Protein backbone atom coordinates (compact mmCIF):
# COMPACT_ATOMS: atom_id res chain seq x y z
CA MET A 1 0.00 0.00 0.00
CA THR A 2 1.27 3.49 -0.84
CA SER A 3 -0.19 6.96 -0.56
CA THR A 4 -2.59 8.28 -3.16
CA SER A 5 -1.45 11.86 -2.43
CA LEU A 6 1.67 11.69 -4.61
CA ASP A 7 3.61 9.24 -6.77
CA VAL A 8 5.96 7.89 -4.12
CA GLU A 9 7.52 5.26 -6.33
CA ARG A 10 8.50 7.90 -8.88
CA ILE A 11 9.86 10.14 -6.13
CA ARG A 12 11.92 7.29 -4.67
CA LYS A 13 13.74 6.92 -7.99
CA ASP A 14 15.10 10.46 -7.49
CA PHE A 15 16.94 9.36 -4.32
CA PRO A 16 19.92 7.17 -5.24
CA VAL A 17 20.55 5.98 -1.69
CA LEU A 18 17.10 4.40 -1.43
CA SER A 19 18.11 1.78 -3.99
CA ARG A 20 21.25 0.93 -2.09
CA GLU A 21 21.81 -2.63 -0.90
CA LEU A 22 23.35 -2.74 2.56
CA PRO A 23 25.90 -5.37 3.69
CA GLY A 24 24.30 -8.78 3.86
CA GLY A 25 21.87 -8.00 1.07
CA ARG A 26 19.56 -5.92 3.24
CA ARG A 27 17.44 -3.26 1.56
CA LEU A 28 17.70 0.18 3.17
CA VAL A 29 14.58 1.35 4.99
CA TYR A 30 15.30 4.95 5.92
CA LEU A 31 13.07 6.17 8.76
CA ASP A 32 15.35 8.87 10.17
CA SER A 33 14.45 12.00 8.21
CA GLY A 34 13.71 13.92 11.41
CA ASN A 35 17.43 13.62 12.05
CA SER A 36 18.54 14.40 8.50
CA SER A 37 16.79 13.82 5.19
CA GLN A 38 18.19 12.07 2.15
CA LYS A 39 19.06 14.10 -0.98
CA PRO A 40 17.44 13.83 -4.41
CA ALA A 41 19.59 13.61 -7.54
CA PRO A 42 18.73 17.17 -8.69
CA VAL A 43 20.19 18.59 -5.46
CA VAL A 44 23.31 16.42 -5.71
CA GLU A 45 23.80 17.41 -9.35
CA THR A 46 23.27 21.12 -8.65
CA VAL A 47 25.95 21.06 -5.96
CA ARG A 48 28.33 19.12 -8.21
CA GLU A 49 27.71 21.43 -11.17
CA HIS A 50 28.27 24.58 -9.14
CA LEU A 51 31.50 23.28 -7.63
CA ALA A 52 32.76 22.03 -10.99
CA MET A 53 31.80 24.90 -13.28
CA HIS A 54 30.64 28.06 -11.47
CA TYR A 55 32.37 28.32 -8.11
CA GLY A 56 33.77 31.67 -7.03
CA ASN A 57 33.52 33.77 -3.90
CA VAL A 58 30.37 35.85 -3.62
CA GLY A 59 29.99 39.59 -3.41
CA ARG A 60 33.67 40.35 -3.87
CA ALA A 61 35.07 38.66 -7.01
CA MET A 62 34.91 40.91 -10.08
CA HIS A 63 35.02 38.17 -12.69
CA VAL A 64 32.63 35.79 -14.45
CA LEU A 65 32.83 33.01 -11.87
CA GLY A 66 32.30 35.45 -9.02
CA ALA A 67 29.28 36.92 -10.76
CA GLU A 68 27.79 33.50 -11.49
CA SER A 69 28.33 32.33 -7.94
CA THR A 70 26.86 35.50 -6.47
CA GLU A 71 23.82 35.22 -8.72
CA ALA A 72 23.25 31.59 -7.71
CA TYR A 73 23.70 32.38 -4.02
CA GLU A 74 21.30 35.33 -4.05
CA SER A 75 18.86 33.37 -6.21
CA ALA A 76 18.74 30.78 -3.43
CA ARG A 77 17.78 33.56 -1.01
CA ASP A 78 14.93 34.55 -3.33
CA LYS A 79 13.73 30.95 -3.46
CA LEU A 80 13.78 30.58 0.32
CA ALA A 81 11.93 33.86 0.79
CA ALA A 82 9.19 32.73 -1.58
CA PHE A 83 9.08 29.25 -0.03
CA VAL A 84 8.22 30.57 3.44
CA GLY A 85 6.23 33.61 2.34
CA ALA A 86 8.72 36.22 3.56
CA PRO A 87 7.54 39.76 2.75
CA SER A 88 11.11 40.67 1.71
CA ARG A 89 14.09 38.65 0.51
CA ASP A 90 16.28 40.79 2.78
CA GLU A 91 14.58 39.20 5.79
CA VAL A 92 16.17 35.83 4.93
CA ILE A 93 19.53 35.35 6.67
CA PHE A 94 21.73 32.37 5.79
CA THR A 95 23.35 30.68 8.79
CA LYS A 96 25.18 27.38 9.09
CA ASN A 97 22.19 25.68 10.77
CA ALA A 98 19.10 26.36 12.88
CA SER A 99 21.21 26.34 16.05
CA GLU A 100 23.19 29.32 14.77
CA ALA A 101 19.97 31.09 13.81
CA LEU A 102 18.60 30.66 17.33
CA ASN A 103 21.88 31.80 18.87
CA LEU A 104 21.91 34.83 16.58
CA VAL A 105 18.60 36.05 17.98
CA ALA A 106 19.57 35.25 21.58
CA HIS A 107 22.77 37.26 21.08
CA ALA A 108 20.72 40.38 20.31
CA PHE A 109 19.39 40.56 23.87
CA GLY A 110 21.27 42.17 26.72
CA PRO A 111 22.29 45.43 28.37
CA HIS A 112 25.00 46.06 25.77
CA LEU A 113 25.67 49.10 23.65
CA TRP A 114 26.60 48.66 20.02
CA GLY A 115 27.88 50.94 17.32
CA ALA A 116 29.67 54.15 18.20
CA THR A 117 26.91 55.83 20.23
CA GLU A 118 23.72 53.90 19.55
CA ALA A 119 22.08 52.05 22.43
CA ALA A 120 20.44 48.69 22.02
CA ASP A 121 16.79 48.77 20.96
CA PRO A 122 14.63 48.61 24.12
CA ARG A 123 12.86 45.52 22.82
CA PHE A 124 16.20 43.72 23.16
CA ALA A 125 17.24 45.24 26.49
CA LEU A 126 17.40 42.40 28.98
CA GLY A 127 18.50 42.20 32.58
CA PRO A 128 17.50 41.06 36.09
CA GLY A 129 13.72 40.89 36.42
CA ASP A 130 13.14 40.24 32.73
CA GLU A 131 11.95 36.85 31.53
CA ILE A 132 12.45 34.44 28.62
CA VAL A 133 9.91 31.68 27.98
CA ILE A 134 10.57 28.35 26.24
CA SER A 135 8.98 24.91 26.66
CA GLU A 136 9.82 21.52 28.10
CA MET A 137 9.68 19.90 24.65
CA GLU A 138 12.45 21.99 23.07
CA HIS A 139 15.51 20.70 21.24
CA HIS A 140 18.69 21.63 23.08
CA SER A 141 19.29 24.25 20.38
CA ASN A 142 16.30 26.15 21.74
CA ILE A 143 17.26 25.69 25.38
CA VAL A 144 21.00 26.22 25.77
CA PRO A 145 21.28 29.62 23.98
CA TRP A 146 18.64 31.01 26.36
CA GLN A 147 20.35 29.45 29.38
CA LEU A 148 23.58 31.16 28.32
CA LEU A 149 21.69 34.42 27.90
CA VAL A 150 20.23 34.36 31.41
CA GLN A 151 23.70 33.58 32.78
CA ARG A 152 25.05 36.68 31.03
CA THR A 153 22.20 39.00 31.96
CA GLY A 154 20.59 37.83 35.19
CA ALA A 155 17.23 37.41 33.48
CA THR A 156 14.89 34.53 34.38
CA LEU A 157 14.15 31.49 32.22
CA LYS A 158 10.60 30.07 32.39
CA TRP A 159 8.94 27.30 30.44
CA PHE A 160 5.67 25.67 29.49
CA GLY A 161 5.19 22.09 30.62
CA VAL A 162 4.03 19.16 28.50
CA THR A 163 0.83 17.18 29.10
CA ASP A 164 0.79 13.41 29.47
CA ASP A 165 -0.40 13.05 25.88
CA GLY A 166 2.45 15.18 24.54
CA ARG A 167 0.78 18.53 24.08
CA LEU A 168 2.04 21.95 25.11
CA ASP A 169 0.47 22.74 28.49
CA LEU A 170 -1.03 26.22 28.20
CA SER A 171 -3.19 25.96 31.31
CA GLU A 172 -1.02 28.60 33.00
CA LEU A 173 -0.30 30.68 29.92
CA ASP A 174 -1.10 34.00 31.61
CA ARG A 175 1.11 33.17 34.60
CA ILE A 176 4.07 32.08 32.51
CA VAL A 177 3.96 34.84 29.89
CA THR A 178 3.81 38.14 31.81
CA ASP A 179 4.58 41.79 31.30
CA ARG A 180 8.19 40.91 32.23
CA THR A 181 8.50 38.49 29.27
CA LYS A 182 10.76 39.76 26.50
CA ILE A 183 10.67 36.76 24.15
CA VAL A 184 8.87 33.43 23.82
CA SER A 185 10.78 30.82 21.78
CA ILE A 186 9.14 27.46 21.11
CA ALA A 187 9.19 24.63 18.60
CA HIS A 188 6.68 24.86 15.79
CA GLN A 189 6.70 21.04 15.70
CA SER A 190 8.40 18.81 18.27
CA ASN A 191 11.28 16.69 17.03
CA VAL A 192 10.33 13.93 19.50
CA LEU A 193 6.57 14.09 19.99
CA GLY A 194 5.56 15.17 16.51
CA THR A 195 3.27 17.71 18.17
CA VAL A 196 2.42 20.82 16.15
CA ASN A 197 2.11 23.58 18.71
CA PRO A 198 -0.76 26.12 18.99
CA VAL A 199 1.22 29.15 17.86
CA ALA A 200 -1.78 31.45 17.62
CA ALA A 201 -2.70 31.11 21.30
CA VAL A 202 0.87 31.76 22.44
CA LEU A 203 1.23 34.68 20.03
CA ARG A 204 -1.97 36.35 21.28
CA ARG A 205 -0.72 36.31 24.85
CA ALA A 206 2.76 37.50 23.85
CA ARG A 207 1.27 40.45 21.97
CA GLU A 208 -0.83 41.37 25.01
CA VAL A 209 2.35 41.82 27.07
CA GLY A 210 4.59 43.19 24.30
CA ALA A 211 6.84 40.13 23.99
CA LEU A 212 8.52 38.88 20.83
CA VAL A 213 7.90 35.35 19.53
CA MET A 214 10.35 32.98 17.83
CA LEU A 215 9.70 29.56 16.33
CA ASP A 216 12.13 26.70 15.83
CA ALA A 217 10.60 25.42 12.59
CA SER A 218 13.25 22.82 11.74
CA GLN A 219 10.65 20.05 11.89
CA SER A 220 7.78 21.94 10.25
CA VAL A 221 9.16 23.79 7.22
CA PRO A 222 10.29 20.55 5.49
CA HIS A 223 6.92 18.86 5.96
CA HIS A 224 4.10 21.41 5.85
CA PRO A 225 3.27 24.60 3.97
CA VAL A 226 4.66 27.37 6.22
CA ASN A 227 4.01 31.06 5.62
CA VAL A 228 5.83 33.32 8.05
CA ALA A 229 3.64 36.32 7.30
CA GLU A 230 0.50 34.32 8.08
CA LEU A 231 2.01 32.91 11.27
CA GLY A 232 2.53 36.46 12.48
CA VAL A 233 5.58 35.70 14.64
CA ASP A 234 8.79 37.71 14.78
CA PHE A 235 11.49 35.13 14.01
CA VAL A 236 11.59 31.67 12.43
CA ALA A 237 14.63 29.37 12.33
CA PHE A 238 15.02 26.22 10.23
CA THR A 239 17.75 24.11 8.69
CA GLY A 240 18.60 22.84 5.21
CA HIS A 241 19.69 19.26 5.85
CA LYS A 242 16.24 18.21 7.07
CA MET A 243 14.53 19.50 3.89
CA LEU A 244 16.50 17.64 1.19
CA GLY A 245 19.33 20.19 1.17
CA PRO A 246 22.98 19.98 2.20
CA SER A 247 24.24 20.22 5.75
CA GLY A 248 26.02 23.38 6.82
CA ILE A 249 23.21 25.72 5.78
CA GLY A 250 20.33 27.10 7.83
CA VAL A 251 17.94 30.03 7.67
CA LEU A 252 16.79 32.74 10.02
CA TRP A 253 13.77 34.71 8.94
CA GLY A 254 12.99 37.81 10.95
CA ARG A 255 10.77 40.84 10.60
CA GLY A 256 12.85 43.41 8.77
CA GLU A 257 12.56 46.23 11.26
CA LEU A 258 13.66 43.93 14.07
CA LEU A 259 16.65 42.66 12.12
CA GLU A 260 17.64 46.24 11.39
CA ALA A 261 17.48 47.04 15.10
CA MET A 262 19.61 44.07 16.16
CA PRO A 263 23.39 44.25 16.63
CA PRO A 264 25.64 42.10 14.41
CA PHE A 265 26.25 38.55 15.56
CA LEU A 266 29.71 37.94 14.02
CA GLY A 267 32.24 40.43 12.77
CA GLY A 268 34.31 40.17 9.61
CA GLY A 269 34.24 40.71 5.91
CA GLU A 270 31.02 41.47 4.01
CA MET A 271 29.01 42.42 7.10
CA ILE A 272 30.55 45.89 7.14
CA GLU A 273 29.76 49.15 5.40
CA ALA A 274 33.07 50.82 6.28
CA VAL A 275 35.91 50.10 8.70
CA TRP A 276 38.29 52.45 10.51
CA MET A 277 40.86 51.47 13.11
CA ASP A 278 38.67 52.64 15.97
CA HIS A 279 35.16 51.77 14.75
CA SER A 280 33.05 50.27 11.97
CA THR A 281 29.67 50.76 10.39
CA TYR A 282 27.60 47.83 9.23
CA ALA A 283 26.01 46.65 6.01
CA PRO A 284 22.23 46.55 5.74
CA ILE A 285 20.35 43.30 6.21
CA PRO A 286 20.73 40.52 5.25
CA HIS A 287 24.50 40.97 4.88
CA LYS A 288 24.93 42.46 8.36
CA PHE A 289 24.49 38.93 9.70
CA GLU A 290 26.56 37.04 7.11
CA ALA A 291 30.15 37.69 8.10
CA GLY A 292 32.94 36.11 6.07
CA THR A 293 32.68 33.74 3.15
CA PRO A 294 29.20 32.21 3.48
CA PRO A 295 28.09 28.62 2.79
CA ILE A 296 27.87 29.34 -0.94
CA VAL A 297 27.49 25.87 -2.42
CA GLU A 298 25.27 24.78 0.46
CA ALA A 299 22.90 27.70 -0.19
CA VAL A 300 22.81 26.86 -3.89
CA GLY A 301 22.01 23.25 -2.99
CA LEU A 302 19.27 24.38 -0.62
CA GLY A 303 17.80 26.44 -3.42
CA ALA A 304 17.67 23.29 -5.54
CA ALA A 305 15.96 21.46 -2.66
CA VAL A 306 13.32 24.18 -2.55
CA ASP A 307 12.81 23.79 -6.31
CA TYR A 308 12.31 20.05 -5.79
CA LEU A 309 9.84 20.46 -2.92
CA GLN A 310 7.85 23.08 -4.79
CA GLY A 311 7.77 20.79 -7.82
CA VAL A 312 6.21 18.07 -5.68
CA GLY A 313 3.98 20.53 -3.81
CA MET A 314 4.05 21.04 -0.07
CA ASP A 315 0.33 20.32 0.21
CA ALA A 316 1.01 16.91 -1.36
CA VAL A 317 3.99 16.30 0.96
CA GLU A 318 1.84 17.10 3.98
CA ALA A 319 -1.04 14.93 2.77
CA HIS A 320 1.25 11.97 2.11
CA GLU A 321 2.88 12.19 5.52
CA ARG A 322 -0.49 12.54 7.21
CA GLU A 323 -1.71 9.37 5.52
CA LEU A 324 1.51 7.57 6.38
CA THR A 325 1.36 8.71 10.01
CA ALA A 326 -2.23 7.50 10.39
CA TYR A 327 -1.20 4.12 9.02
CA ALA A 328 1.81 3.95 11.35
CA LEU A 329 -0.19 4.92 14.45
CA ASP A 330 -2.58 2.04 13.76
CA ALA A 331 0.20 -0.42 12.89
CA LEU A 332 2.26 0.29 16.01
CA ARG A 333 -0.74 -0.49 18.21
CA GLU A 334 -0.23 -4.12 17.19
CA VAL A 335 3.15 -4.24 18.95
CA PRO A 336 2.77 -5.50 22.56
CA GLY A 337 4.51 -3.41 25.19
CA LEU A 338 5.02 -0.42 22.88
CA ARG A 339 4.49 2.95 24.56
CA LEU A 340 4.05 5.89 22.23
CA ILE A 341 5.53 9.14 23.58
CA GLY A 342 3.39 11.84 22.01
CA PRO A 343 -0.10 12.32 20.58
CA ALA A 344 -1.89 9.09 19.68
CA SER A 345 -4.12 10.84 17.14
CA LEU A 346 -3.49 12.81 13.95
CA GLU A 347 -4.75 16.05 15.47
CA GLN A 348 -2.03 18.70 15.30
CA ARG A 349 0.84 16.23 14.83
CA GLY A 350 3.41 15.41 12.19
CA GLY A 351 5.15 12.27 10.99
CA THR A 352 7.49 11.69 13.93
CA LEU A 353 6.74 8.74 16.21
CA SER A 354 8.85 8.13 19.31
CA PHE A 355 8.28 5.10 21.49
CA THR A 356 9.68 2.64 24.00
CA LEU A 357 9.44 -1.15 24.11
CA GLU A 358 8.84 -2.55 27.57
CA GLY A 359 12.01 -4.03 29.06
CA ILE A 360 14.22 -3.29 26.02
CA HIS A 361 16.65 -0.38 25.79
CA PRO A 362 16.15 1.79 22.68
CA HIS A 363 19.82 1.33 21.74
CA ASP A 364 19.23 -2.41 21.45
CA VAL A 365 16.09 -1.78 19.41
CA GLY A 366 17.93 0.45 16.97
CA GLN A 367 20.91 -1.87 16.61
CA ILE A 368 18.82 -4.95 15.83
CA LEU A 369 16.62 -3.06 13.37
CA ASP A 370 19.73 -1.83 11.56
CA ASP A 371 21.84 -5.01 11.72
CA GLU A 372 19.13 -7.48 10.78
CA PHE A 373 16.58 -5.49 8.76
CA GLY A 374 18.41 -2.47 7.34
CA ILE A 375 15.95 -0.16 9.10
CA ALA A 376 17.46 3.20 10.05
CA VAL A 377 15.78 4.83 13.05
CA ARG A 378 17.17 7.16 15.67
CA VAL A 379 17.62 6.16 19.30
CA GLY A 380 18.53 8.26 22.33
CA HIS A 381 17.09 11.46 23.74
CA HIS A 382 17.20 13.21 20.34
CA CYS A 383 18.80 16.36 21.80
CA ALA A 384 15.70 16.78 23.97
CA ARG A 385 16.80 15.37 27.30
CA PRO A 386 14.49 17.49 29.50
CA LEU A 387 11.48 16.12 27.62
CA HIS A 388 12.59 12.56 28.25
CA LEU A 389 13.15 13.36 31.92
CA ARG A 390 9.60 14.70 32.06
CA PHE A 391 8.31 11.31 30.86
CA GLY A 392 10.62 9.41 33.20
CA ILE A 393 12.60 7.64 30.49
CA PRO A 394 16.26 7.86 29.43
CA ALA A 395 15.68 7.44 25.72
CA THR A 396 13.25 6.52 22.95
CA THR A 397 13.28 4.93 19.52
CA ARG A 398 12.15 7.39 16.87
CA ALA A 399 10.80 6.69 13.39
CA SER A 400 10.34 9.80 11.27
CA PHE A 401 8.79 9.93 7.82
CA TYR A 402 9.18 12.02 4.68
CA LEU A 403 7.86 12.21 1.15
CA TYR A 404 9.83 9.15 0.00
CA ASN A 405 8.57 6.72 2.65
CA THR A 406 5.89 4.07 2.08
CA THR A 407 3.44 2.09 4.17
CA GLY A 408 5.46 -0.98 3.17
CA GLU A 409 8.36 0.48 5.14
CA VAL A 410 6.05 0.95 8.12
CA ASP A 411 5.14 -2.73 7.82
CA ALA A 412 8.85 -3.57 7.80
CA LEU A 413 9.32 -1.55 10.99
CA VAL A 414 6.49 -3.41 12.71
CA ARG A 415 7.92 -6.80 11.67
CA GLY A 416 11.31 -5.69 12.95
CA LEU A 417 9.89 -4.65 16.31
CA HIS A 418 8.17 -8.00 16.71
CA HIS A 419 11.51 -9.67 16.02
CA VAL A 420 13.26 -7.48 18.60
CA GLN A 421 10.72 -8.63 21.19
CA LYS A 422 11.36 -12.27 20.34
CA VAL A 423 15.10 -11.77 20.75
CA PHE A 424 14.58 -10.42 24.27
CA ALA A 425 11.74 -12.78 25.23
């Protein structure tokens, strides 16, 4: 059985690795796209072609290769802006990953002065008595930068809890988000639970108290249509390697007037307007935040990934994953002793299923699935240790789906889990 939402078998032919035979004659079953997605041939070929025939440094080489490389790099920015509905291409900042994008925004807050005489924008002034709000389901990339910020500033870190069924607990929303809150930063979709969070409710409360809102959209942008203007938040971070693109490239989108008000994150070439020995002035956005030689080829590859996803259609990607997730939720119920960590229904959830098997460590589950069945899943705390502590478990096994997965692969996973249980019986 395969989805009727898109031609999965045709799509699979675009991914060379999916036809790979693993040692021992095992066929690869790749269920780890929440960790990092596989790459279609058009992305691989675009990267190869650019490196082979067009590579030059961007924004500074006055020759044909430099011009071609700059055009390809900036074209990728245009594609990303259109892909997420950014009102302006200049609001799209290339970073090396989502972690850097989150750190970039956290860096803007503090009691610092920047520039020759200009004080920090009051929206970014942060000190003792001020508050930052995150949630218990965050990836470490959306926890640690804020912890470091409160250590530097004396501000207070607060967080939403998570309900037993894996939903964001907003029962104390008004107590947690107060007139002392400067920013709320939460996952758009959890990388462990699959939960899609109620952004609108959080945003309404944040606007009531004058707080900014940031989303870690690393798990949503690759899988659902996402329009930043419609979301209405202030910042969105996501990463290329989870959306068919290369590693080493991420994106920060921010509202233009906020990005203009923020201090630079890194200093160096290309982010400057002019430099003297005692001071510097800075380039306008987006270049103010892109110091040094950027990830040129990676950005070009990400642009090709956007072309591929738009060719398929994000509505079709979402529909396929929704159908696949429904099938998997039903199929996993057949496995005795399996505990799903996260929503058991399709309501406001994506194609990420994390679970435990009674009496069997997830590391053993993952190793047997890989060694004997060629099934690639992720095991561990998935860079979300506080969430696992909340559920009283050290680790989970996680299967995560994408546009190239099939219900036949879900069946293979279920057969593999039954085998794991027999091994430990």
